[in-house]
N, C-alpha and C. Protein backbone atom coordinates (compact mmCIF):
# COMPACT_ATOMS: atom_id res chain seq x y z
N UNK A 1 -120.94 -29.92 -28.95
CA UNK A 1 -120.88 -29.83 -27.66
C UNK A 1 -119.80 -31.43 -27.30
N UNK A 2 -118.59 -31.41 -27.12
CA UNK A 2 -118.35 -32.33 -26.92
C UNK A 2 -118.40 -33.49 -25.84
N UNK A 3 -118.23 -34.69 -25.79
CA UNK A 3 -118.35 -35.78 -25.08
C UNK A 3 -117.87 -35.46 -23.68
N UNK A 4 -118.57 -35.88 -22.71
CA UNK A 4 -117.77 -36.08 -21.25
C UNK A 4 -117.03 -37.27 -21.47
N UNK A 5 -115.89 -37.29 -20.94
CA UNK A 5 -114.71 -38.20 -20.64
C UNK A 5 -115.42 -39.73 -20.56
N UNK A 6 -116.85 -39.53 -19.96
CA UNK A 6 -117.09 -41.00 -19.18
C UNK A 6 -118.10 -41.58 -20.48
N UNK A 7 -118.20 -40.55 -21.33
CA UNK A 7 -119.22 -40.91 -22.44
C UNK A 7 -118.19 -41.65 -23.79
N UNK A 8 -116.98 -41.18 -23.69
CA UNK A 8 -116.23 -41.87 -24.43
C UNK A 8 -115.83 -43.49 -24.89
N UNK A 9 -115.47 -43.69 -26.07
CA UNK A 9 -115.21 -45.33 -25.98
C UNK A 9 -113.48 -45.65 -25.77
N UNK A 10 -112.86 -46.35 -25.40
CA UNK A 10 -111.86 -46.70 -25.32
C UNK A 10 -110.92 -46.04 -26.67
N UNK A 11 -111.30 -46.32 -27.49
CA UNK A 11 -110.45 -45.82 -28.53
C UNK A 11 -109.95 -44.20 -28.28
N UNK A 12 -111.65 -43.58 -28.41
CA UNK A 12 -111.70 -41.96 -28.07
C UNK A 12 -110.59 -41.71 -27.38
N UNK A 13 -110.68 -42.45 -26.15
CA UNK A 13 -109.71 -41.65 -24.95
C UNK A 13 -108.15 -41.95 -25.19
N UNK A 14 -108.05 -43.00 -26.12
CA UNK A 14 -106.64 -43.19 -26.36
C UNK A 14 -106.36 -42.27 -27.33
N UNK A 15 -107.05 -41.83 -28.43
CA UNK A 15 -106.72 -40.77 -29.35
C UNK A 15 -106.22 -39.63 -29.22
N UNK A 16 -107.32 -39.12 -27.12
CA UNK A 16 -107.38 -37.84 -26.96
C UNK A 16 -105.94 -37.75 -25.84
N UNK A 17 -105.84 -38.97 -25.22
CA UNK A 17 -104.82 -39.34 -24.46
C UNK A 17 -103.42 -40.19 -25.36
N UNK A 18 -102.87 -39.52 -26.22
CA UNK A 18 -102.22 -40.91 -26.39
C UNK A 18 -100.99 -40.93 -25.36
N UNK A 19 -99.80 -42.10 -25.83
CA UNK A 19 -99.10 -42.00 -24.91
C UNK A 19 -97.91 -41.13 -25.59
N UNK A 20 -96.92 -40.38 -24.78
CA UNK A 20 -96.05 -39.71 -25.32
C UNK A 20 -94.90 -39.53 -24.36
N UNK A 21 -93.81 -39.53 -24.79
CA UNK A 21 -92.79 -39.51 -23.69
C UNK A 21 -91.75 -38.09 -23.73
N UNK A 22 -91.23 -37.75 -22.65
CA UNK A 22 -90.53 -36.73 -22.48
C UNK A 22 -89.26 -36.93 -21.71
N UNK A 23 -88.23 -36.13 -21.88
CA UNK A 23 -87.24 -36.28 -21.10
C UNK A 23 -87.41 -35.86 -19.79
N UNK A 24 -86.31 -36.34 -18.79
CA UNK A 24 -86.72 -36.42 -17.34
C UNK A 24 -86.86 -35.11 -17.29
N UNK A 25 -88.04 -34.99 -16.07
CA UNK A 25 -87.78 -33.36 -15.43
C UNK A 25 -87.89 -33.54 -13.74
N UNK A 26 -87.18 -32.53 -13.54
CA UNK A 26 -86.91 -32.79 -11.84
C UNK A 26 -88.55 -32.26 -11.34
N UNK A 27 -89.36 -31.33 -12.06
CA UNK A 27 -90.35 -31.16 -11.93
C UNK A 27 -91.41 -32.14 -11.36
N UNK A 28 -91.11 -33.38 -11.77
CA UNK A 28 -92.08 -34.34 -11.53
C UNK A 28 -91.82 -35.07 -9.56
N UNK A 29 -90.40 -34.50 -9.32
CA UNK A 29 -90.59 -34.83 -7.77
C UNK A 29 -91.05 -33.99 -6.84
N UNK A 30 -91.21 -32.61 -7.65
CA UNK A 30 -92.19 -31.55 -7.05
C UNK A 30 -93.54 -31.83 -7.04
N UNK A 31 -94.36 -32.04 -8.28
CA UNK A 31 -95.76 -32.57 -8.40
C UNK A 31 -95.77 -33.86 -7.54
N UNK A 32 -95.09 -34.64 -7.35
CA UNK A 32 -95.09 -35.77 -6.18
C UNK A 32 -95.21 -35.23 -4.81
N UNK A 33 -94.22 -34.34 -4.64
CA UNK A 33 -94.58 -33.72 -2.96
C UNK A 33 -95.63 -32.93 -3.03
N UNK A 34 -96.33 -32.67 -4.00
CA UNK A 34 -97.72 -31.64 -3.80
C UNK A 34 -98.65 -32.50 -3.26
N UNK A 35 -98.79 -33.67 -4.41
CA UNK A 35 -99.78 -34.54 -4.61
C UNK A 35 -99.80 -35.31 -3.05
N UNK A 36 -98.17 -35.70 -2.63
CA UNK A 36 -98.12 -36.70 -1.09
C UNK A 36 -98.86 -35.68 -0.23
N UNK A 37 -98.76 -34.69 -0.18
CA UNK A 37 -99.22 -33.77 0.95
C UNK A 37 -100.85 -33.52 0.91
N UNK A 38 -101.21 -33.49 -0.13
CA UNK A 38 -102.88 -33.38 -0.34
C UNK A 38 -103.33 -34.56 -0.05
N UNK A 39 -102.60 -35.75 -0.03
CA UNK A 39 -102.99 -37.07 0.31
C UNK A 39 -103.25 -37.62 1.35
N UNK A 40 -101.69 -37.29 1.96
CA UNK A 40 -101.50 -37.19 3.57
C UNK A 40 -102.96 -36.78 4.34
N UNK A 41 -103.34 -35.27 3.87
CA UNK A 41 -103.96 -34.51 4.94
C UNK A 41 -105.46 -35.31 4.40
N UNK A 42 -105.88 -35.66 3.13
CA UNK A 42 -106.91 -36.03 2.82
C UNK A 42 -107.15 -37.32 3.46
N UNK A 43 -106.31 -38.24 3.61
CA UNK A 43 -106.25 -39.40 4.31
C UNK A 43 -105.54 -39.33 5.20
N UNK A 44 -105.89 -38.33 6.35
CA UNK A 44 -105.47 -38.43 7.81
C UNK A 44 -106.30 -39.41 8.57
N UNK A 45 -107.43 -39.72 8.48
CA UNK A 45 -108.29 -40.54 9.18
C UNK A 45 -108.47 -41.79 8.59
N UNK A 46 -107.60 -42.18 7.68
CA UNK A 46 -107.20 -43.67 7.07
C UNK A 46 -106.27 -44.49 7.41
N UNK A 47 -106.32 -45.61 7.41
CA UNK A 47 -104.80 -46.71 7.68
C UNK A 47 -104.24 -46.38 6.68
N UNK A 48 -103.61 -45.52 6.21
CA UNK A 48 -102.35 -45.33 5.26
C UNK A 48 -101.09 -45.86 6.01
N UNK A 49 -100.42 -46.97 5.41
CA UNK A 49 -99.22 -47.38 5.46
C UNK A 49 -97.93 -46.47 4.99
N UNK A 50 -98.34 -46.50 3.46
CA UNK A 50 -96.93 -45.77 2.97
C UNK A 50 -97.68 -45.40 1.86
N UNK A 51 -97.23 -44.31 0.98
CA UNK A 51 -97.24 -43.51 -0.17
C UNK A 51 -96.17 -43.39 -0.66
N UNK A 52 -96.19 -43.72 -1.89
CA UNK A 52 -94.67 -43.60 -2.73
C UNK A 52 -94.69 -43.38 -4.12
N UNK A 53 -93.69 -42.65 -4.72
CA UNK A 53 -93.56 -42.29 -5.94
C UNK A 53 -93.25 -43.08 -6.89
N UNK A 54 -94.24 -44.15 -7.65
CA UNK A 54 -93.35 -44.96 -8.55
C UNK A 54 -93.62 -44.75 -10.02
N UNK A 55 -93.20 -45.56 -10.65
CA UNK A 55 -93.51 -45.52 -11.96
C UNK A 55 -92.07 -44.80 -12.60
N UNK A 56 -91.56 -44.78 -13.95
CA UNK A 56 -90.87 -43.73 -14.74
C UNK A 56 -90.15 -42.66 -14.10
N UNK A 57 -91.60 -42.00 -13.87
CA UNK A 57 -91.39 -40.52 -13.32
C UNK A 57 -90.14 -40.79 -12.23
N UNK A 58 -90.32 -41.79 -11.38
CA UNK A 58 -89.42 -41.69 -10.07
C UNK A 58 -88.22 -42.46 -10.12
N UNK A 59 -87.77 -42.50 -11.60
CA UNK A 59 -86.42 -42.85 -12.12
C UNK A 59 -85.64 -41.93 -12.71
N UNK A 60 -84.22 -41.86 -12.14
CA UNK A 60 -83.72 -41.00 -12.16
C UNK A 60 -83.31 -40.92 -14.05
N UNK A 61 -83.21 -39.85 -14.66
CA UNK A 61 -82.36 -39.39 -15.89
C UNK A 61 -83.34 -40.42 -16.96
N UNK A 62 -84.35 -41.08 -17.01
CA UNK A 62 -85.11 -41.63 -18.09
C UNK A 62 -86.13 -40.67 -18.35
N UNK A 63 -86.26 -40.74 -20.01
CA UNK A 63 -87.64 -40.65 -20.56
C UNK A 63 -88.77 -41.48 -19.75
N UNK A 64 -89.84 -40.63 -19.58
CA UNK A 64 -91.22 -41.10 -19.11
C UNK A 64 -92.39 -40.39 -19.92
N UNK A 65 -93.41 -41.28 -19.58
CA UNK A 65 -94.69 -40.26 -19.71
C UNK A 65 -94.86 -39.23 -18.54
N UNK A 66 -95.17 -38.15 -18.68
CA UNK A 66 -95.57 -37.14 -18.08
C UNK A 66 -96.29 -37.15 -17.10
N UNK A 67 -96.72 -38.26 -16.42
CA UNK A 67 -97.68 -38.52 -15.71
C UNK A 67 -97.05 -39.21 -14.23
N UNK A 68 -97.25 -38.58 -13.12
CA UNK A 68 -96.79 -38.98 -11.80
C UNK A 68 -97.54 -40.25 -11.30
N UNK A 69 -97.05 -41.44 -11.13
CA UNK A 69 -97.73 -42.30 -10.50
C UNK A 69 -97.41 -42.49 -9.27
N UNK A 70 -98.65 -42.71 -8.50
CA UNK A 70 -98.48 -42.74 -6.81
C UNK A 70 -99.06 -43.76 -6.11
N UNK A 71 -98.24 -44.54 -5.37
CA UNK A 71 -98.81 -45.86 -4.75
C UNK A 71 -99.28 -45.45 -3.57
N UNK A 72 -100.49 -45.74 -3.06
CA UNK A 72 -100.53 -45.74 -1.36
C UNK A 72 -101.14 -47.30 -0.99
N UNK A 73 -100.38 -47.37 -0.08
CA UNK A 73 -100.40 -48.76 0.74
C UNK A 73 -101.52 -48.47 1.86
N UNK A 74 -102.29 -49.14 1.98
CA UNK A 74 -103.17 -49.39 3.55
C UNK A 74 -102.92 -50.69 4.15
N UNK A 75 -103.40 -50.71 5.24
CA UNK A 75 -103.51 -52.13 6.12
C UNK A 75 -104.12 -52.82 5.68
N UNK A 76 -104.16 -54.10 5.83
CA UNK A 76 -104.79 -55.16 5.47
C UNK A 76 -106.58 -55.18 5.78
N UNK A 77 -106.71 -54.90 6.83
CA UNK A 77 -108.04 -54.97 7.31
C UNK A 77 -108.73 -53.74 7.00
N UNK A 78 -108.31 -52.51 6.02
CA UNK A 78 -108.89 -51.69 5.60
C UNK A 78 -110.20 -51.98 4.60
N UNK A 79 -111.00 -50.96 4.30
CA UNK A 79 -111.97 -50.91 3.70
C UNK A 79 -111.69 -50.37 2.09
N UNK A 80 -111.13 -50.73 1.71
CA UNK A 80 -110.72 -50.17 0.36
C UNK A 80 -111.89 -49.18 -0.33
N UNK A 81 -113.26 -49.60 -0.30
CA UNK A 81 -114.21 -48.97 -0.76
C UNK A 81 -114.28 -47.26 0.03
N UNK A 82 -114.24 -47.57 1.01
CA UNK A 82 -114.14 -46.31 1.61
C UNK A 82 -113.22 -45.62 1.24
N UNK A 83 -112.21 -45.88 1.55
CA UNK A 83 -110.56 -44.87 1.37
C UNK A 83 -110.97 -44.41 -0.15
N UNK A 84 -111.12 -45.27 -1.25
CA UNK A 84 -111.55 -44.62 -2.69
C UNK A 84 -112.62 -43.51 -2.52
N UNK A 85 -113.57 -43.56 -1.57
CA UNK A 85 -114.52 -42.40 -1.85
C UNK A 85 -113.82 -41.06 -1.48
N UNK A 86 -113.04 -41.37 -0.21
CA UNK A 86 -112.13 -40.08 0.35
C UNK A 86 -111.61 -39.42 -0.94
N UNK A 87 -110.49 -40.57 -1.67
CA UNK A 87 -109.82 -39.88 -2.78
C UNK A 87 -110.80 -39.37 -3.86
N UNK A 88 -111.67 -39.73 -4.10
CA UNK A 88 -112.61 -39.41 -5.37
C UNK A 88 -113.14 -38.06 -4.92
N UNK A 89 -113.46 -37.67 -3.70
CA UNK A 89 -113.73 -36.52 -2.99
C UNK A 89 -112.58 -35.20 -3.21
N UNK A 90 -111.87 -35.88 -3.32
CA UNK A 90 -110.25 -34.93 -3.41
C UNK A 90 -109.77 -34.92 -5.10
N UNK A 91 -110.53 -35.11 -5.87
CA UNK A 91 -110.70 -34.65 -7.19
C UNK A 91 -109.73 -35.83 -7.89
N UNK A 92 -109.94 -37.36 -7.68
CA UNK A 92 -109.40 -38.27 -8.58
C UNK A 92 -110.51 -38.77 -9.30
N UNK A 93 -110.48 -39.37 -10.33
CA UNK A 93 -111.63 -40.31 -10.79
C UNK A 93 -111.16 -41.76 -11.08
N UNK A 94 -111.76 -42.63 -10.76
CA UNK A 94 -111.83 -43.68 -10.82
C UNK A 94 -111.60 -44.49 -11.64
N UNK A 95 -110.87 -45.29 -12.04
CA UNK A 95 -110.29 -45.76 -13.59
C UNK A 95 -110.65 -47.40 -13.57
N UNK A 96 -110.42 -47.81 -12.16
CA UNK A 96 -110.54 -49.58 -12.52
C UNK A 96 -110.90 -49.77 -11.08
N UNK A 97 -111.72 -50.91 -10.57
CA UNK A 97 -111.76 -51.52 -9.14
C UNK A 97 -111.47 -52.87 -9.48
N UNK A 98 -110.65 -53.52 -8.66
CA UNK A 98 -110.18 -54.85 -8.28
C UNK A 98 -111.01 -55.21 -6.97
N UNK A 99 -110.60 -56.50 -6.54
CA UNK A 99 -110.68 -57.22 -5.13
C UNK A 99 -109.86 -56.12 -4.29
N UNK A 100 -108.67 -56.05 -4.58
CA UNK A 100 -107.60 -55.63 -3.67
C UNK A 100 -106.89 -54.57 -4.50
N UNK A 101 -107.44 -54.03 -5.45
CA UNK A 101 -106.54 -52.69 -6.11
C UNK A 101 -107.71 -51.77 -6.65
N UNK A 102 -107.75 -50.47 -6.35
CA UNK A 102 -108.39 -49.29 -6.92
C UNK A 102 -107.58 -48.57 -7.51
N UNK A 103 -107.50 -47.94 -9.05
CA UNK A 103 -106.72 -47.14 -9.54
C UNK A 103 -107.67 -45.56 -9.82
N UNK A 104 -107.14 -44.83 -10.04
CA UNK A 104 -107.69 -43.42 -10.34
C UNK A 104 -106.62 -42.72 -11.09
N UNK A 105 -107.17 -41.49 -11.50
CA UNK A 105 -106.38 -40.27 -12.31
C UNK A 105 -106.85 -39.17 -11.99
N UNK A 106 -105.72 -38.03 -12.14
CA UNK A 106 -106.52 -36.60 -11.99
C UNK A 106 -105.26 -36.10 -13.02
N UNK A 107 -105.99 -34.83 -13.94
CA UNK A 107 -105.34 -34.46 -15.03
C UNK A 107 -106.35 -34.64 -16.25
N UNK A 108 -106.75 -35.38 -16.69
CA UNK A 108 -107.29 -35.83 -17.80
C UNK A 108 -108.46 -34.93 -18.15
N UNK A 109 -108.79 -34.09 -18.56
CA UNK A 109 -109.65 -33.17 -19.36
C UNK A 109 -110.41 -33.51 -20.40
N UNK A 110 -111.52 -32.93 -21.01
CA UNK A 110 -112.02 -32.85 -22.26
C UNK A 110 -111.24 -32.42 -23.29
N UNK A 111 -110.38 -31.44 -22.99
CA UNK A 111 -109.50 -30.98 -23.96
C UNK A 111 -108.24 -31.84 -24.13
N UNK A 112 -107.97 -32.57 -23.52
CA UNK A 112 -106.74 -33.44 -23.13
C UNK A 112 -105.97 -33.29 -21.65
N UNK A 113 -104.98 -33.25 -21.76
CA UNK A 113 -103.86 -33.40 -20.52
C UNK A 113 -103.72 -32.21 -20.04
N UNK A 114 -104.12 -31.97 -18.33
CA UNK A 114 -103.78 -30.76 -17.78
C UNK A 114 -102.09 -30.62 -17.70
N UNK A 115 -101.87 -29.92 -16.80
CA UNK A 115 -100.52 -29.70 -16.54
C UNK A 115 -99.50 -30.65 -16.14
N UNK A 116 -100.69 -30.68 -14.84
CA UNK A 116 -100.23 -32.08 -13.98
C UNK A 116 -101.15 -33.30 -13.95
N UNK A 117 -100.58 -34.48 -14.32
CA UNK A 117 -101.32 -35.59 -14.41
C UNK A 117 -100.89 -36.50 -13.62
N UNK A 118 -101.86 -37.37 -12.89
CA UNK A 118 -101.42 -38.36 -11.79
C UNK A 118 -102.24 -39.60 -12.14
N UNK A 119 -101.26 -40.60 -11.64
CA UNK A 119 -102.29 -41.89 -11.57
C UNK A 119 -102.10 -42.42 -10.26
N UNK A 120 -103.11 -42.78 -9.80
CA UNK A 120 -102.94 -43.31 -8.13
C UNK A 120 -103.21 -44.68 -7.91
N UNK A 121 -102.86 -45.47 -7.40
CA UNK A 121 -102.88 -46.88 -7.40
C UNK A 121 -103.04 -46.88 -5.98
N UNK A 122 -104.07 -47.25 -5.35
CA UNK A 122 -104.44 -47.99 -4.00
C UNK A 122 -104.62 -49.52 -3.96
N UNK A 123 -103.71 -49.76 -2.86
CA UNK A 123 -103.42 -51.63 -2.62
C UNK A 123 -103.27 -51.63 -1.19
N UNK A 124 -103.57 -52.86 -0.89
CA UNK A 124 -103.02 -53.39 0.47
C UNK A 124 -101.46 -53.19 0.90
N UNK A 125 -101.07 -52.93 1.75
CA UNK A 125 -99.73 -53.19 2.10
C UNK A 125 -98.98 -54.14 1.80
N UNK A 126 -98.04 -54.13 1.21
CA UNK A 126 -97.01 -55.59 0.49
C UNK A 126 -97.35 -55.43 -0.77
N UNK A 127 -98.13 -55.01 -1.52
CA UNK A 127 -98.64 -55.28 -2.96
C UNK A 127 -97.58 -53.96 -3.59
N UNK A 128 -96.66 -54.21 -3.53
CA UNK A 128 -95.97 -53.02 -3.87
C UNK A 128 -94.39 -53.33 -5.03
N UNK A 129 -94.66 -54.23 -5.51
CA UNK A 129 -93.50 -54.73 -6.70
C UNK A 129 -93.01 -53.33 -7.40
N UNK A 130 -93.43 -52.52 -7.78
CA UNK A 130 -92.98 -51.22 -8.37
C UNK A 130 -92.20 -50.26 -7.33
N UNK A 131 -92.01 -50.57 -5.99
CA UNK A 131 -91.14 -50.13 -4.99
C UNK A 131 -89.36 -50.52 -5.71
N UNK A 132 -89.75 -51.88 -5.44
CA UNK A 132 -88.44 -52.64 -5.74
C UNK A 132 -87.69 -52.50 -7.56
N UNK A 133 -88.88 -52.56 -8.23
CA UNK A 133 -88.36 -52.06 -9.72
C UNK A 133 -88.07 -50.72 -9.63
N UNK A 134 -88.44 -49.76 -9.19
CA UNK A 134 -87.96 -48.33 -9.05
C UNK A 134 -86.48 -48.41 -8.41
N UNK A 135 -86.62 -48.78 -7.07
CA UNK A 135 -85.28 -48.82 -6.52
C UNK A 135 -83.99 -49.42 -7.20
N UNK A 136 -84.28 -50.71 -8.17
CA UNK A 136 -82.98 -51.11 -8.73
C UNK A 136 -82.55 -50.34 -9.77
N UNK A 137 -83.73 -49.82 -10.63
CA UNK A 137 -83.33 -49.04 -11.97
C UNK A 137 -82.65 -47.58 -11.59
N UNK A 138 -82.89 -47.21 -10.28
CA UNK A 138 -82.20 -45.82 -9.93
C UNK A 138 -80.76 -46.26 -9.19
N UNK A 139 -80.82 -47.67 -8.80
CA UNK A 139 -79.26 -48.34 -8.18
C UNK A 139 -78.40 -48.88 -9.44
N UNK A 140 -79.03 -48.94 -10.49
CA UNK A 140 -78.66 -49.64 -11.89
C UNK A 140 -79.05 -48.78 -12.98
N UNK A 141 -78.04 -48.00 -13.48
CA UNK A 141 -78.50 -46.79 -14.43
C UNK A 141 -78.45 -47.84 -15.59
N UNK A 142 -77.56 -48.38 -15.94
CA UNK A 142 -77.60 -49.25 -17.05
C UNK A 142 -79.16 -50.07 -17.50
N UNK A 143 -79.23 -50.44 -16.48
CA UNK A 143 -80.74 -51.17 -16.81
C UNK A 143 -81.86 -49.86 -16.78
N UNK A 144 -81.89 -48.89 -16.21
CA UNK A 144 -82.88 -48.01 -16.38
C UNK A 144 -82.57 -47.46 -17.73
N UNK A 145 -81.54 -47.73 -18.47
CA UNK A 145 -81.46 -46.64 -19.59
C UNK A 145 -81.81 -47.91 -20.56
N UNK A 146 -81.70 -49.41 -20.52
CA UNK A 146 -82.29 -50.39 -21.03
C UNK A 146 -83.99 -50.24 -21.18
N UNK A 147 -84.44 -50.03 -19.73
CA UNK A 147 -85.79 -49.65 -20.04
C UNK A 147 -86.02 -48.47 -20.64
N UNK A 148 -85.52 -47.21 -20.43
CA UNK A 148 -85.84 -46.32 -21.61
C UNK A 148 -85.77 -46.89 -23.02
N UNK A 149 -85.22 -47.48 -23.46
CA UNK A 149 -84.78 -47.76 -25.05
C UNK A 149 -85.82 -48.68 -24.97
N UNK A 150 -86.58 -49.51 -24.26
CA UNK A 150 -87.67 -50.12 -24.82
C UNK A 150 -89.02 -49.36 -25.00
N UNK A 151 -88.87 -48.62 -24.08
CA UNK A 151 -90.12 -47.54 -23.90
C UNK A 151 -89.88 -46.68 -25.19
N UNK A 152 -88.98 -46.23 -25.58
CA UNK A 152 -88.57 -45.13 -26.69
C UNK A 152 -89.09 -46.07 -28.02
N UNK A 153 -88.73 -47.47 -28.10
CA UNK A 153 -89.08 -47.76 -29.28
C UNK A 153 -90.57 -48.66 -29.24
N UNK A 154 -91.23 -48.34 -27.82
CA UNK A 154 -92.39 -48.93 -28.00
C UNK A 154 -93.66 -47.54 -28.47
N UNK A 155 -92.88 -46.42 -27.79
CA UNK A 155 -93.90 -45.45 -28.06
C UNK A 155 -94.57 -44.88 -29.36
N UNK A 156 -94.05 -44.81 -30.68
CA UNK A 156 -95.03 -44.79 -31.58
C UNK A 156 -95.57 -45.94 -32.08
N UNK A 157 -95.36 -47.07 -31.81
CA UNK A 157 -95.65 -48.19 -32.25
C UNK A 157 -97.24 -48.28 -31.57
N UNK A 158 -96.85 -48.06 -30.29
CA UNK A 158 -98.73 -48.10 -29.50
C UNK A 158 -98.97 -46.66 -28.53
N UNK A 159 -98.64 -45.97 -29.62
CA UNK A 159 -98.98 -44.57 -29.04
C UNK A 159 -100.41 -44.48 -28.55
N UNK A 160 -101.61 -45.06 -29.33
CA UNK A 160 -103.07 -44.75 -29.08
C UNK A 160 -103.53 -46.43 -28.50
N UNK A 161 -102.41 -46.76 -28.30
CA UNK A 161 -103.06 -48.41 -27.44
C UNK A 161 -102.13 -48.78 -26.11
N UNK A 162 -102.67 -47.83 -25.11
CA UNK A 162 -101.84 -48.12 -23.60
C UNK A 162 -101.78 -49.47 -23.05
N UNK A 163 -102.65 -50.44 -23.43
CA UNK A 163 -102.77 -51.69 -23.02
C UNK A 163 -101.56 -52.51 -23.59
N UNK A 164 -101.39 -52.31 -24.93
CA UNK A 164 -100.52 -52.79 -25.67
C UNK A 164 -99.06 -52.42 -25.20
N UNK A 165 -99.13 -51.31 -24.79
CA UNK A 165 -97.73 -50.62 -24.66
C UNK A 165 -97.20 -51.04 -23.44
N UNK A 166 -98.07 -51.03 -22.40
CA UNK A 166 -98.00 -51.88 -21.01
C UNK A 166 -97.44 -53.30 -20.97
N UNK A 167 -98.01 -54.20 -21.72
CA UNK A 167 -98.10 -55.33 -22.21
C UNK A 167 -96.66 -55.74 -22.97
N UNK A 168 -95.99 -54.80 -23.76
CA UNK A 168 -94.66 -55.02 -24.50
C UNK A 168 -93.74 -54.92 -23.52
N UNK A 169 -93.90 -54.00 -22.12
CA UNK A 169 -93.05 -54.02 -21.37
C UNK A 169 -93.10 -55.10 -20.43
N UNK A 170 -93.85 -55.72 -20.25
CA UNK A 170 -94.14 -56.93 -18.96
C UNK A 170 -92.65 -57.57 -18.86
N UNK A 171 -92.47 -58.43 -19.82
CA UNK A 171 -91.44 -59.28 -19.50
C UNK A 171 -90.17 -58.71 -18.99
N UNK A 172 -89.98 -57.41 -19.33
CA UNK A 172 -88.65 -56.76 -18.61
C UNK A 172 -88.88 -56.19 -17.31
N UNK A 173 -89.80 -55.86 -17.18
CA UNK A 173 -90.72 -55.19 -15.83
C UNK A 173 -90.75 -56.33 -15.06
N UNK A 174 -91.16 -57.32 -15.19
CA UNK A 174 -90.94 -58.63 -14.45
C UNK A 174 -89.72 -58.88 -14.33
N UNK A 175 -88.85 -59.17 -15.01
CA UNK A 175 -87.52 -59.85 -14.72
C UNK A 175 -86.44 -59.26 -13.93
N UNK A 176 -86.78 -57.69 -13.95
CA UNK A 176 -85.97 -57.10 -13.15
C UNK A 176 -86.58 -56.78 -11.85
N UNK A 177 -88.06 -56.69 -11.53
CA UNK A 177 -88.73 -56.90 -10.29
C UNK A 177 -88.30 -58.15 -9.35
N UNK A 178 -87.96 -59.00 -10.05
CA UNK A 178 -87.79 -60.53 -9.53
C UNK A 178 -86.55 -60.49 -9.08
N UNK A 179 -85.59 -59.52 -9.82
CA UNK A 179 -84.10 -59.60 -9.26
C UNK A 179 -83.96 -58.51 -8.16
N UNK A 180 -84.70 -57.52 -8.47
CA UNK A 180 -84.42 -56.84 -7.24
C UNK A 180 -85.13 -57.30 -6.02
N UNK A 181 -86.36 -57.90 -6.21
CA UNK A 181 -86.78 -58.34 -4.91
C UNK A 181 -85.83 -59.83 -4.29
N UNK A 182 -85.33 -59.91 -4.71
CA UNK A 182 -83.87 -60.67 -4.30
C UNK A 182 -82.46 -60.03 -3.63
N UNK A 183 -82.28 -58.96 -4.66
CA UNK A 183 -80.89 -57.97 -4.18
C UNK A 183 -81.81 -57.13 -2.81
N UNK A 184 -83.26 -56.81 -2.70
CA UNK A 184 -83.84 -55.97 -1.66
C UNK A 184 -84.92 -56.82 -0.72
N UNK A 185 -84.28 -58.01 -0.47
CA UNK A 185 -85.01 -58.80 -0.01
C UNK A 185 -85.61 -58.26 1.45
N UNK A 186 -87.37 -58.13 1.62
CA UNK A 186 -87.81 -57.67 2.90
C UNK A 186 -87.47 -56.09 3.20
N UNK A 187 -87.26 -55.34 1.83
CA UNK A 187 -87.06 -54.03 2.08
C UNK A 187 -88.23 -53.30 2.33
N UNK A 188 -89.47 -54.07 1.44
CA UNK A 188 -90.44 -53.43 2.22
C UNK A 188 -91.76 -54.52 2.47
N UNK A 189 -91.09 -55.41 3.17
CA UNK A 189 -92.14 -56.17 3.89
C UNK A 189 -93.43 -56.73 3.06
C-alpha cells in the first residue's frame, strides 16, 4: 500500500513530483478559465477583489512547468482562514500558511500529477508582484526568452528540489519585477 501524500517526506514528494518543463501550450489559458469560473462561484460570498492567471503559463511562448498558477486577492479586512476553508472545500489542498499568504494545490495524486494541476495563492489585495512580472514579460518577449533560458538551464540541475529551483531564479525575477513596477506604476494598486 502506498503512502498518503501527507505522510511523505519532502524528498519523497519531490521525487514523485519532479520539476519538468514543457513548451508553451494554449490549453493553459483554457485551464485557467475553468478554474477561475469555479473559484468565482465558490468564493461568491467572499470579499475577492481579483483573480489572476500568474506564473510562466501566463507568459506567451515560453516553456513552463505544466502547472497553472492562480492569484486570488482579497480585501485587507478579510479573514484569510475563513476563505481558505472555502477553497479547501472546493478540492484544493493547503500547502503552506503564513500571516498574510496561504497557498494551495490541486492535481497532486498518489500516482503523480493529474492532467490539470494548479497552484493557488491567496493573498491580500496589493500583494501581487507576479502581475507586474507577467505583464512585463508578455510585453518584452526578449526578456521572457531570457527567463525561459534560465529555467531550462536550472531544470535538470534542480529537478528534485523545487526550493533550490525557485531560489536560483529569484534574482532575475526580482530585477524585472522592480523594472515592471516602474514601467507600470500603479497599475495594480
